[in-house]
PDB file of all heavy atoms in Angstrom:
ATOM      1  N   ASP A   1      17.271  67.816  83.460  1.00  0.00           N
ATOM      2  CA  ASP A   1      18.196  66.967  82.709  1.00  0.00           C
ATOM      3  C   ASP A   1      18.362  67.401  81.258  1.00  0.00           C
ATOM      4  O   ASP A   1      19.118  66.765  80.511  1.00  0.00           O
ATOM      5  CB  ASP A   1      17.710  65.512  82.727  1.00  0.00           C
ATOM      6  CG  ASP A   1      17.852  64.865  84.095  1.00  0.00           C
ATOM      7  OD1 ASP A   1      18.728  65.297  84.865  1.00  0.00           O
ATOM      8  OD2 ASP A   1      17.084  63.931  84.391  1.00  0.00           O
ATOM      9  N   ILE A   2      17.681  68.456  80.838  1.00  0.00           N
ATOM     10  CA  ILE A   2      17.747  68.868  79.443  1.00  0.00           C
ATOM     11  C   ILE A   2      19.179  69.190  79.045  1.00  0.00           C
ATOM     12  O   ILE A   2      19.962  69.727  79.844  1.00  0.00           O
ATOM     13  CB  ILE A   2      16.833  70.086  79.184  1.00  0.00           C
ATOM     14  CG1 ILE A   2      16.623  70.298  77.680  1.00  0.00           C
ATOM     15  CG2 ILE A   2      17.380  71.347  79.842  1.00  0.00           C
ATOM     16  CD1 ILE A   2      15.555  71.317  77.343  1.00  0.00           C
ATOM     17  N   ARG A   3      19.537  68.839  77.826  1.00  0.00           N
ATOM     18  CA  ARG A   3      20.884  69.113  77.325  1.00  0.00           C
ATOM     19  C   ARG A   3      20.759  69.908  76.037  1.00  0.00           C
ATOM     20  O   ARG A   3      20.111  69.472  75.084  1.00  0.00           O
ATOM     21  CB  ARG A   3      21.651  67.812  77.089  1.00  0.00           C
ATOM     22  CG  ARG A   3      21.867  67.010  78.361  1.00  0.00           C
ATOM     23  CD  ARG A   3      22.752  65.808  78.144  1.00  0.00           C
ATOM     24  NE  ARG A   3      22.244  64.916  77.113  1.00  0.00           N
ATOM     25  CZ  ARG A   3      22.734  63.695  76.868  1.00  0.00           C
ATOM     26  NH1 ARG A   3      23.753  63.235  77.583  1.00  0.00           N
ATOM     27  NH2 ARG A   3      22.221  62.946  75.919  1.00  0.00           N
ATOM     28  N   LEU A   4      21.396  71.059  76.019  1.00  0.00           N
ATOM     29  CA  LEU A   4      21.353  71.939  74.862  1.00  0.00           C
ATOM     30  C   LEU A   4      22.759  72.197  74.360  1.00  0.00           C
ATOM     31  O   LEU A   4      23.723  72.176  75.133  1.00  0.00           O
ATOM     32  CB  LEU A   4      20.700  73.274  75.233  1.00  0.00           C
ATOM     33  CG  LEU A   4      19.315  73.223  75.868  1.00  0.00           C
ATOM     34  CD1 LEU A   4      18.879  74.619  76.291  1.00  0.00           C
ATOM     35  CD2 LEU A   4      18.307  72.613  74.907  1.00  0.00           C
ATOM     36  N   LYS A   5      22.871  72.439  73.071  1.00  0.00           N
ATOM     37  CA  LYS A   5      24.154  72.872  72.538  1.00  0.00           C
ATOM     38  C   LYS A   5      24.517  74.221  73.150  1.00  0.00           C
ATOM     39  O   LYS A   5      23.625  75.007  73.493  1.00  0.00           O
ATOM     40  CB  LYS A   5      24.071  72.990  71.010  1.00  0.00           C
ATOM     41  CG  LYS A   5      23.916  71.663  70.291  1.00  0.00           C
ATOM     42  CD  LYS A   5      23.861  71.860  68.785  1.00  0.00           C
ATOM     43  CE  LYS A   5      23.722  70.537  68.064  1.00  0.00           C
ATOM     44  NZ  LYS A   5      23.647  70.713  66.586  1.00  0.00           N
ATOM     45  N   PRO A   6      25.812  74.498  73.315  1.00  0.00           N
ATOM     46  CA  PRO A   6      26.202  75.795  73.879  1.00  0.00           C
ATOM     47  C   PRO A   6      25.601  76.942  73.073  1.00  0.00           C
ATOM     48  O   PRO A   6      25.707  76.979  71.847  1.00  0.00           O
ATOM     49  CB  PRO A   6      27.731  75.774  73.765  1.00  0.00           C
ATOM     50  CG  PRO A   6      28.092  74.327  73.732  1.00  0.00           C
ATOM     51  CD  PRO A   6      26.978  73.645  73.005  1.00  0.00           C
ATOM     52  N   THR A   7      24.917  77.841  73.763  1.00  0.00           N
ATOM     53  CA  THR A   7      24.305  78.987  73.097  1.00  0.00           C
ATOM     54  C   THR A   7      24.624  80.261  73.852  1.00  0.00           C
ATOM     55  O   THR A   7      24.801  80.253  75.065  1.00  0.00           O
ATOM     56  CB  THR A   7      22.775  78.831  73.015  1.00  0.00           C
ATOM     57  OG1 THR A   7      22.248  78.607  74.336  1.00  0.00           O
ATOM     58  CG2 THR A   7      22.382  77.662  72.135  1.00  0.00           C
ATOM     59  N   ASP A   8      24.693  81.347  73.117  1.00  0.00           N
ATOM     60  CA  ASP A   8      24.923  82.661  73.698  1.00  0.00           C
ATOM     61  C   ASP A   8      23.561  83.269  74.013  1.00  0.00           C
ATOM     62  O   ASP A   8      22.863  83.763  73.123  1.00  0.00           O
ATOM     63  CB  ASP A   8      25.692  83.533  72.700  1.00  0.00           C
ATOM     64  CG  ASP A   8      26.052  84.896  73.267  1.00  0.00           C
ATOM     65  OD1 ASP A   8      25.436  85.315  74.266  1.00  0.00           O
ATOM     66  OD2 ASP A   8      26.935  85.554  72.692  1.00  0.00           O
ATOM     67  N   GLU A   9      23.154  83.210  75.278  1.00  0.00           N
ATOM     68  CA  GLU A   9      21.829  83.690  75.641  1.00  0.00           C
ATOM     69  C   GLU A   9      21.678  85.187  75.385  1.00  0.00           C
ATOM     70  O   GLU A   9      20.589  85.651  75.043  1.00  0.00           O
ATOM     71  CB  GLU A   9      21.523  83.360  77.100  1.00  0.00           C
ATOM     72  CG  GLU A   9      21.423  81.868  77.365  1.00  0.00           C
ATOM     73  CD  GLU A   9      20.721  81.541  78.673  1.00  0.00           C
ATOM     74  OE1 GLU A   9      20.186  82.463  79.319  1.00  0.00           O
ATOM     75  OE2 GLU A   9      20.703  80.355  79.039  1.00  0.00           O
ATOM     76  N   THR A  10      22.755  85.919  75.535  1.00  0.00           N
ATOM     77  CA  THR A  10      22.697  87.356  75.262  1.00  0.00           C
ATOM     78  C   THR A  10      22.386  87.601  73.794  1.00  0.00           C
ATOM     79  O   THR A  10      21.570  88.469  73.451  1.00  0.00           O
ATOM     80  CB  THR A  10      24.025  88.034  75.637  1.00  0.00           C
ATOM     81  OG1 THR A  10      24.283  87.820  77.025  1.00  0.00           O
ATOM     82  CG2 THR A  10      23.961  89.531  75.369  1.00  0.00           C
ATOM     83  N   PHE A  11      22.999  86.801  72.917  1.00  0.00           N
ATOM     84  CA  PHE A  11      22.736  86.932  71.487  1.00  0.00           C
ATOM     85  C   PHE A  11      21.286  86.587  71.162  1.00  0.00           C
ATOM     86  O   PHE A  11      20.631  87.290  70.388  1.00  0.00           O
ATOM     87  CB  PHE A  11      23.671  86.016  70.690  1.00  0.00           C
ATOM     88  CG  PHE A  11      23.318  85.918  69.229  1.00  0.00           C
ATOM     89  CD1 PHE A  11      23.657  86.928  68.346  1.00  0.00           C
ATOM     90  CD2 PHE A  11      22.623  84.806  68.743  1.00  0.00           C
ATOM     91  CE1 PHE A  11      23.316  86.852  66.999  1.00  0.00           C
ATOM     92  CE2 PHE A  11      22.285  84.719  67.396  1.00  0.00           C
ATOM     93  CZ  PHE A  11      22.624  85.745  66.529  1.00  0.00           C
ATOM     94  N   ILE A  12      20.773  85.500  71.755  1.00  0.00           N
ATOM     95  CA  ILE A  12      19.384  85.111  71.509  1.00  0.00           C
ATOM     96  C   ILE A  12      18.431  86.219  71.933  1.00  0.00           C
ATOM     97  O   ILE A  12      17.493  86.570  71.204  1.00  0.00           O
ATOM     98  CB  ILE A  12      19.051  83.803  72.252  1.00  0.00           C
ATOM     99  CG1 ILE A  12      19.836  82.629  71.645  1.00  0.00           C
ATOM    100  CG2 ILE A  12      17.547  83.515  72.203  1.00  0.00           C
ATOM    101  CD1 ILE A  12      19.662  81.320  72.392  1.00  0.00           C
ATOM    102  N   CYS A  13      18.677  86.801  73.094  1.00  0.00           N
ATOM    103  CA  CYS A  13      17.800  87.871  73.583  1.00  0.00           C
ATOM    104  C   CYS A  13      17.901  89.125  72.721  1.00  0.00           C
ATOM    105  O   CYS A  13      16.882  89.780  72.447  1.00  0.00           O
ATOM    106  CB  CYS A  13      18.139  88.206  75.036  1.00  0.00           C
ATOM    107  SG  CYS A  13      17.677  86.912  76.210  1.00  0.00           S
ATOM    108  N   ARG A  14      19.113  89.446  72.260  1.00  0.00           N
ATOM    109  CA  ARG A  14      19.274  90.613  71.386  1.00  0.00           C
ATOM    110  C   ARG A  14      18.523  90.415  70.077  1.00  0.00           C
ATOM    111  O   ARG A  14      17.880  91.338  69.569  1.00  0.00           O
ATOM    112  CB  ARG A  14      20.756  90.874  71.100  1.00  0.00           C
ATOM    113  CG  ARG A  14      21.493  91.615  72.198  1.00  0.00           C
ATOM    114  CD  ARG A  14      22.738  92.303  71.653  1.00  0.00           C
ATOM    115  NE  ARG A  14      23.593  91.396  70.905  1.00  0.00           N
ATOM    116  CZ  ARG A  14      24.641  90.756  71.425  1.00  0.00           C
ATOM    117  NH1 ARG A  14      24.948  90.938  72.691  1.00  0.00           N
ATOM    118  NH2 ARG A  14      25.379  89.965  70.679  1.00  0.00           N
ATOM    119  N   ARG A  15      18.606  89.197  69.536  1.00  0.00           N
ATOM    120  CA  ARG A  15      17.902  88.924  68.282  1.00  0.00           C
ATOM    121  C   ARG A  15      16.392  88.985  68.483  1.00  0.00           C
ATOM    122  O   ARG A  15      15.670  89.536  67.651  1.00  0.00           O
ATOM    123  CB  ARG A  15      18.308  87.560  67.724  1.00  0.00           C
ATOM    124  CG  ARG A  15      17.710  87.303  66.340  1.00  0.00           C
ATOM    125  CD  ARG A  15      18.238  86.058  65.700  1.00  0.00           C
ATOM    126  NE  ARG A  15      17.821  84.860  66.416  1.00  0.00           N
ATOM    127  CZ  ARG A  15      17.950  83.628  65.929  1.00  0.00           C
ATOM    128  NH1 ARG A  15      18.521  83.450  64.742  1.00  0.00           N
ATOM    129  NH2 ARG A  15      17.557  82.582  66.616  1.00  0.00           N
ATOM    130  N   LEU A  16      15.910  88.415  69.583  1.00  0.00           N
ATOM    131  CA  LEU A  16      14.478  88.484  69.869  1.00  0.00           C
ATOM    132  C   LEU A  16      14.018  89.922  70.052  1.00  0.00           C
ATOM    133  O   LEU A  16      12.934  90.311  69.596  1.00  0.00           O
ATOM    134  CB  LEU A  16      14.148  87.661  71.117  1.00  0.00           C
ATOM    135  CG  LEU A  16      14.121  86.142  70.944  1.00  0.00           C
ATOM    136  CD1 LEU A  16      14.033  85.452  72.297  1.00  0.00           C
ATOM    137  CD2 LEU A  16      12.961  85.727  70.061  1.00  0.00           C
ATOM    138  N   GLN A  17      14.846  90.711  70.719  1.00  0.00           N
ATOM    139  CA  GLN A  17      14.501  92.120  70.919  1.00  0.00           C
ATOM    140  C   GLN A  17      14.403  92.842  69.576  1.00  0.00           C
ATOM    141  O   GLN A  17      13.493  93.646  69.353  1.00  0.00           O
ATOM    142  CB  GLN A  17      15.537  92.785  71.814  1.00  0.00           C
ATOM    143  CG  GLN A  17      15.175  94.203  72.230  1.00  0.00           C
ATOM    144  CD  GLN A  17      16.137  94.740  73.272  1.00  0.00           C
ATOM    145  OE1 GLN A  17      17.281  94.294  73.379  1.00  0.00           O
ATOM    146  NE2 GLN A  17      15.682  95.697  74.073  1.00  0.00           N
ATOM    147  N   PHE A  18      15.337  92.542  68.678  1.00  0.00           N
ATOM    148  CA  PHE A  18      15.295  93.163  67.355  1.00  0.00           C
ATOM    149  C   PHE A  18      14.065  92.712  66.577  1.00  0.00           C
ATOM    150  O   PHE A  18      13.340  93.526  66.006  1.00  0.00           O
ATOM    151  CB  PHE A  18      16.561  92.819  66.571  1.00  0.00           C
ATOM    152  CG  PHE A  18      16.479  93.204  65.119  1.00  0.00           C
ATOM    153  CD1 PHE A  18      16.627  94.524  64.727  1.00  0.00           C
ATOM    154  CD2 PHE A  18      16.225  92.237  64.148  1.00  0.00           C
ATOM    155  CE1 PHE A  18      16.520  94.887  63.387  1.00  0.00           C
ATOM    156  CE2 PHE A  18      16.125  92.587  62.814  1.00  0.00           C
ATOM    157  CZ  PHE A  18      16.271  93.917  62.436  1.00  0.00           C
ATOM    158  N   LEU A  19      13.827  91.398  66.540  1.00  0.00           N
ATOM    159  CA  LEU A  19      12.683  90.891  65.806  1.00  0.00           C
ATOM    160  C   LEU A  19      11.376  91.462  66.353  1.00  0.00           C
ATOM    161  O   LEU A  19      10.473  91.843  65.598  1.00  0.00           O
ATOM    162  CB  LEU A  19      12.654  89.357  65.856  1.00  0.00           C
ATOM    163  CG  LEU A  19      13.777  88.634  65.115  1.00  0.00           C
ATOM    164  CD1 LEU A  19      13.739  87.136  65.410  1.00  0.00           C
ATOM    165  CD2 LEU A  19      13.698  88.886  63.612  1.00  0.00           C
ATOM    166  N   GLY A  20      11.288  91.553  67.668  1.00  0.00           N
ATOM    167  CA  GLY A  20      10.089  92.101  68.291  1.00  0.00           C
ATOM    168  C   GLY A  20       9.883  93.578  68.023  1.00  0.00           C
ATOM    169  O   GLY A  20       8.756  94.073  68.079  1.00  0.00           O
ATOM    170  N   SER A  21      10.971  94.284  67.708  1.00  0.00           N
ATOM    171  CA  SER A  21      10.841  95.708  67.390  1.00  0.00           C
ATOM    172  C   SER A  21      10.299  95.919  65.977  1.00  0.00           C
ATOM    173  O   SER A  21       9.837  97.014  65.645  1.00  0.00           O
ATOM    174  CB  SER A  21      12.199  96.400  67.531  1.00  0.00           C
ATOM    175  OG  SER A  21      13.096  96.003  66.499  1.00  0.00           O
ATOM    176  N   ARG A  22      10.373  94.896  65.142  1.00  0.00           N
ATOM    177  CA  ARG A  22       9.900  94.982  63.766  1.00  0.00           C
ATOM    178  C   ARG A  22       8.596  94.202  63.548  1.00  0.00           C
ATOM    179  O   ARG A  22       7.779  94.583  62.709  1.00  0.00           O
ATOM    180  CB  ARG A  22      10.972  94.426  62.811  1.00  0.00           C
ATOM    181  CG  ARG A  22      12.275  95.220  62.795  1.00  0.00           C
ATOM    182  CD  ARG A  22      12.129  96.486  61.971  1.00  0.00           C
ATOM    183  NE  ARG A  22      13.398  97.172  61.815  1.00  0.00           N
ATOM    184  CZ  ARG A  22      13.777  98.242  62.496  1.00  0.00           C
ATOM    185  NH1 ARG A  22      12.954  98.740  63.423  1.00  0.00           N
ATOM    186  NH2 ARG A  22      14.934  98.811  62.277  1.00  0.00           N
ATOM    187  N   ILE A  23       8.439  93.101  64.292  1.00  0.00           N
ATOM    188  CA  ILE A  23       7.297  92.201  64.112  1.00  0.00           C
ATOM    189  C   ILE A  23       6.477  92.205  65.405  1.00  0.00           C
ATOM    190  O   ILE A  23       7.016  91.939  66.478  1.00  0.00           O
ATOM    191  CB  ILE A  23       7.778  90.777  63.784  1.00  0.00           C
ATOM    192  CG1 ILE A  23       8.629  90.780  62.512  1.00  0.00           C
ATOM    193  CG2 ILE A  23       6.602  89.822  63.638  1.00  0.00           C
ATOM    194  CD1 ILE A  23       9.315  89.446  62.225  1.00  0.00           C
ATOM    195  N   LYS A  24       5.192  92.468  65.291  1.00  0.00           N
ATOM    196  CA  LYS A  24       4.350  92.582  66.492  1.00  0.00           C
ATOM    197  C   LYS A  24       3.969  91.226  67.080  1.00  0.00           C
ATOM    198  O   LYS A  24       3.816  91.104  68.301  1.00  0.00           O
ATOM    199  CB  LYS A  24       3.075  93.358  66.161  1.00  0.00           C
ATOM    200  CG  LYS A  24       3.286  94.823  65.844  1.00  0.00           C
ATOM    201  CD  LYS A  24       1.952  95.505  65.577  1.00  0.00           C
ATOM    202  CE  LYS A  24       2.148  96.991  65.280  1.00  0.00           C
ATOM    203  NZ  LYS A  24       0.846  97.675  65.031  1.00  0.00           N
ATOM    204  N   THR A  25       3.802  90.223  66.237  1.00  0.00           N
ATOM    205  CA  THR A  25       3.192  88.969  66.686  1.00  0.00           C
ATOM    206  C   THR A  25       4.123  87.780  66.511  1.00  0.00           C
ATOM    207  O   THR A  25       4.662  87.556  65.429  1.00  0.00           O
ATOM    208  CB  THR A  25       1.891  88.695  65.903  1.00  0.00           C
ATOM    209  OG1 THR A  25       1.023  89.819  66.038  1.00  0.00           O
ATOM    210  CG2 THR A  25       1.196  87.451  66.425  1.00  0.00           C
ATOM    211  N   ALA A  26       4.280  87.031  67.594  1.00  0.00           N
ATOM    212  CA  ALA A  26       5.008  85.765  67.548  1.00  0.00           C
ATOM    213  C   ALA A  26       4.010  84.626  67.628  1.00  0.00           C
ATOM    214  O   ALA A  26       2.923  84.763  68.200  1.00  0.00           O
ATOM    215  CB  ALA A  26       6.004  85.673  68.699  1.00  0.00           C
TER     216      ALA A  26
END
């Protein structure tokens, strides 16, 4: 039943991929 604002999942994953390439630890 969760409701989220419309998000671009591809964009979120691309940003996470970039951040992970620079930062080792989340």
